[in-house]
């Protein structure tokens, strides 16, 4: 079974940047489609960035142009570079395939202050 561990969150001022990391361990095919999801206060979890097996990247309109997803297949690690953060980006960030196929990790908290 695959396990994911997210890290890299923290407290940052609006306009700042953070880089999230996600390490996936366990038995799964190299280079699965992966994504970053976030749950903001009072809202359902949403997919904000994804990367297909072939490397195609997709972003939600709310983060497009500010966030960048990348991966290191050899390290089984997915990254999310977040720039120009706003208070609306505050939430818990999770990595998982876009369909949510893996057990959900604990996520990493991102708090953006004004």
C-alpha atoms as a PDB file:
ATOM      1  CA  UNK A   1       0.000   0.000   0.000  1.00  0.00           C
ATOM      2  CA  UNK A   2       1.203   3.487  -0.805  1.00  0.00           C
ATOM      3  CA  UNK A   3       1.814   6.012   1.929  1.00  0.00           C
ATOM      4  CA  UNK A   4       2.367   9.719   1.352  1.00  0.00           C
ATOM      5  CA  UNK A   5       3.962  12.206   3.697  1.00  0.00           C
ATOM      6  CA  UNK A   6       3.625  15.912   3.016  1.00  0.00           C
ATOM      7  CA  UNK A   7       5.916  18.588   4.403  1.00  0.00           C
ATOM      8  CA  UNK A   8       7.063  22.140   3.856  1.00  0.00           C
ATOM      9  CA  UNK A   9       4.063  24.102   5.073  1.00  0.00           C
ATOM     10  CA  UNK A  10       4.284  26.968   7.485  1.00  0.00           C
ATOM     11  CA  UNK A  11       3.369  30.552   8.202  1.00  0.00           C
ATOM     12  CA  UNK A  12       4.176  33.096   5.534  1.00  0.00           C
ATOM     13  CA  UNK A  13       3.170  36.655   4.794  1.00  0.00           C
ATOM     14  CA  UNK A  14       1.022  37.473   1.790  1.00  0.00           C
ATOM     15  CA  UNK A  15       3.191  37.735  -1.285  1.00  0.00           C
ATOM     16  CA  UNK A  16       5.636  35.188   0.039  1.00  0.00           C
ATOM     17  CA  UNK A  17       6.581  31.738  -1.172  1.00  0.00           C
ATOM     18  CA  UNK A  18       6.683  28.181   0.081  1.00  0.00           C
ATOM     19  CA  UNK A  19       7.790  24.879  -1.372  1.00  0.00           C
ATOM     20  CA  UNK A  20       5.868  21.786  -0.394  1.00  0.00           C
ATOM     21  CA  UNK A  21       7.229  18.268  -0.709  1.00  0.00           C
ATOM     22  CA  UNK A  22       5.520  14.916  -0.752  1.00  0.00           C
ATOM     23  CA  UNK A  23       7.295  11.601  -0.459  1.00  0.00           C
ATOM     24  CA  UNK A  24       5.416   8.529  -1.573  1.00  0.00           C
ATOM     25  CA  UNK A  25       6.477   5.143  -0.302  1.00  0.00           C
ATOM     26  CA  UNK A  26       5.163   1.676  -0.881  1.00  0.00           C
ATOM     27  CA  UNK A  27       4.295  -0.331  -3.909  1.00  0.00           C
ATOM     28  CA  UNK A  28       3.110   1.675  -6.854  1.00  0.00           C
ATOM     29  CA  UNK A  29       4.150   2.097 -10.448  1.00  0.00           C
ATOM     30  CA  UNK A  30       6.855   4.633 -11.080  1.00  0.00           C
ATOM     31  CA  UNK A  31       5.589   8.015 -12.181  1.00  0.00           C
ATOM     32  CA  UNK A  32       1.862   7.785 -11.456  1.00  0.00           C
ATOM     33  CA  UNK A  33      -0.252  10.815 -12.097  1.00  0.00           C
ATOM     34  CA  UNK A  34      -0.104  12.866  -8.929  1.00  0.00           C
ATOM     35  CA  UNK A  35      -1.670  15.997  -7.645  1.00  0.00           C
ATOM     36  CA  UNK A  36      -1.815  18.502  -4.856  1.00  0.00           C
ATOM     37  CA  UNK A  37      -5.137  19.024  -3.155  1.00  0.00           C
ATOM     38  CA  UNK A  38      -6.012  21.593  -0.557  1.00  0.00           C
ATOM     39  CA  UNK A  39      -8.717  22.027   1.990  1.00  0.00           C
ATOM     40  CA  UNK A  40      -9.427  25.584   2.972  1.00  0.00           C
ATOM     41  CA  UNK A  41     -11.533  26.499   6.010  1.00  0.00           C
ATOM     42  CA  UNK A  42     -15.204  25.847   5.395  1.00  0.00           C
ATOM     43  CA  UNK A  43     -14.650  24.300   1.982  1.00  0.00           C
ATOM     44  CA  UNK A  44     -14.285  20.862   0.482  1.00  0.00           C
ATOM     45  CA  UNK A  45     -10.949  19.502  -0.565  1.00  0.00           C
ATOM     46  CA  UNK A  46     -10.060  20.661  -4.078  1.00  0.00           C
ATOM     47  CA  UNK A  47      -7.442  19.647  -6.602  1.00  0.00           C
ATOM     48  CA  UNK A  48      -5.197  22.633  -7.320  1.00  0.00           C
ATOM     49  CA  UNK A  49      -2.378  21.079  -9.355  1.00  0.00           C
ATOM     50  CA  UNK A  50      -1.746  17.787 -11.119  1.00  0.00           C
ATOM     51  CA  UNK A  51       0.911  16.141 -13.221  1.00  0.00           C
ATOM     52  CA  UNK A  52       0.221  13.237 -15.554  1.00  0.00           C
ATOM     53  CA  UNK A  53       2.488  10.251 -16.088  1.00  0.00           C
ATOM     54  CA  UNK A  54       3.782  11.949 -19.236  1.00  0.00           C
ATOM     55  CA  UNK A  55       4.491  15.180 -17.430  1.00  0.00           C
ATOM     56  CA  UNK A  56       1.504  17.266 -18.438  1.00  0.00           C
ATOM     57  CA  UNK A  57       0.714  19.845 -15.772  1.00  0.00           C
ATOM     58  CA  UNK A  58      -2.696  21.258 -14.975  1.00  0.00           C
ATOM     59  CA  UNK A  59      -3.712  23.896 -12.469  1.00  0.00           C
ATOM     60  CA  UNK A  60      -6.905  25.267 -11.055  1.00  0.00           C
ATOM     61  CA  UNK A  61      -7.745  28.804 -12.054  1.00  0.00           C
ATOM     62  CA  UNK A  62      -7.159  29.973  -8.498  1.00  0.00           C
ATOM     63  CA  UNK A  63      -3.462  29.042  -8.562  1.00  0.00           C
ATOM     64  CA  UNK A  64      -2.536  29.148 -12.236  1.00  0.00           C
ATOM     65  CA  UNK A  65       0.510  31.307 -12.828  1.00  0.00           C
ATOM     66  CA  UNK A  66       1.529  31.226  -9.163  1.00  0.00           C
ATOM     67  CA  UNK A  67       1.992  27.536  -8.330  1.00  0.00           C
ATOM     68  CA  UNK A  68       4.227  25.005 -10.067  1.00  0.00           C
ATOM     69  CA  UNK A  69       4.059  21.247  -9.639  1.00  0.00           C
ATOM     70  CA  UNK A  70       7.102  19.099 -10.309  1.00  0.00           C
ATOM     71  CA  UNK A  71       8.392  15.653  -9.454  1.00  0.00           C
ATOM     72  CA  UNK A  72      11.536  13.629  -8.952  1.00  0.00           C
ATOM     73  CA  UNK A  73      10.587  10.104  -9.922  1.00  0.00           C
ATOM     74  CA  UNK A  74      13.845   8.648  -8.636  1.00  0.00           C
ATOM     75  CA  UNK A  75      13.081  10.070  -5.203  1.00  0.00           C
ATOM     76  CA  UNK A  76       9.346   9.326  -5.391  1.00  0.00           C
ATOM     77  CA  UNK A  77       8.843  12.961  -4.471  1.00  0.00           C
ATOM     78  CA  UNK A  78       6.328  15.516  -5.667  1.00  0.00           C
ATOM     79  CA  UNK A  79       6.826  19.232  -5.135  1.00  0.00           C
ATOM     80  CA  UNK A  80       4.586  22.269  -5.168  1.00  0.00           C
ATOM     81  CA  UNK A  81       6.288  25.610  -5.542  1.00  0.00           C
ATOM     82  CA  UNK A  82       3.906  28.322  -4.362  1.00  0.00           C
ATOM     83  CA  UNK A  83       4.610  31.971  -5.115  1.00  0.00           C
ATOM     84  CA  UNK A  84       2.682  35.210  -4.580  1.00  0.00           C
ATOM     85  CA  UNK A  85       0.705  33.581  -1.827  1.00  0.00           C
ATOM     86  CA  UNK A  86      -2.548  35.156  -0.684  1.00  0.00           C
ATOM     87  CA  UNK A  87      -4.611  34.674   2.460  1.00  0.00           C
ATOM     88  CA  UNK A  88      -7.033  32.623   0.339  1.00  0.00           C
ATOM     89  CA  UNK A  89      -4.298  30.022  -0.082  1.00  0.00           C
ATOM     90  CA  UNK A  90      -4.451  29.220   3.620  1.00  0.00           C
ATOM     91  CA  UNK A  91      -5.359  25.604   4.191  1.00  0.00           C
ATOM     92  CA  UNK A  92      -4.087  22.064   4.506  1.00  0.00           C
ATOM     93  CA  UNK A  93      -2.333  20.707   1.455  1.00  0.00           C
ATOM     94  CA  UNK A  94      -2.331  17.037   0.539  1.00  0.00           C
ATOM     95  CA  UNK A  95      -0.703  15.065  -2.237  1.00  0.00           C
ATOM     96  CA  UNK A  96      -2.523  12.199  -3.892  1.00  0.00           C
ATOM     97  CA  UNK A  97      -3.421  11.157  -7.410  1.00  0.00           C
ATOM     98  CA  UNK A  98      -6.105  13.416  -8.858  1.00  0.00           C
ATOM     99  CA  UNK A  99      -8.676  10.684  -8.222  1.00  0.00           C
ATOM    100  CA  UNK A 100      -7.595  10.324  -4.604  1.00  0.00           C
ATOM    101  CA  UNK A 101      -6.545   6.713  -5.042  1.00  0.00           C
ATOM    102  CA  UNK A 102      -4.036   6.563  -2.182  1.00  0.00           C
ATOM    103  CA  UNK A 103      -4.778   6.733   1.528  1.00  0.00           C
ATOM    104  CA  UNK A 104      -4.722  10.395   2.490  1.00  0.00           C
ATOM    105  CA  UNK A 105      -1.769  11.641   4.487  1.00  0.00           C
ATOM    106  CA  UNK A 106      -1.961  14.148   7.281  1.00  0.00           C
ATOM    107  CA  UNK A 107      -1.244  17.005   4.929  1.00  0.00           C
ATOM    108  CA  UNK A 108       0.817  20.087   5.618  1.00  0.00           C
ATOM    109  CA  UNK A 109      -0.652  23.315   6.958  1.00  0.00           C
ATOM    110  CA  UNK A 110      -0.093  26.516   5.010  1.00  0.00           C
ATOM    111  CA  UNK A 111      -1.057  29.753   6.704  1.00  0.00           C
ATOM    112  CA  UNK A 112      -0.785  33.047   4.858  1.00  0.00           C
ATOM    113  CA  UNK A 113      -1.059  36.190   6.916  1.00  0.00           C
ATOM    114  CA  UNK A 114      -2.079  39.579   5.583  1.00  0.00           C
END
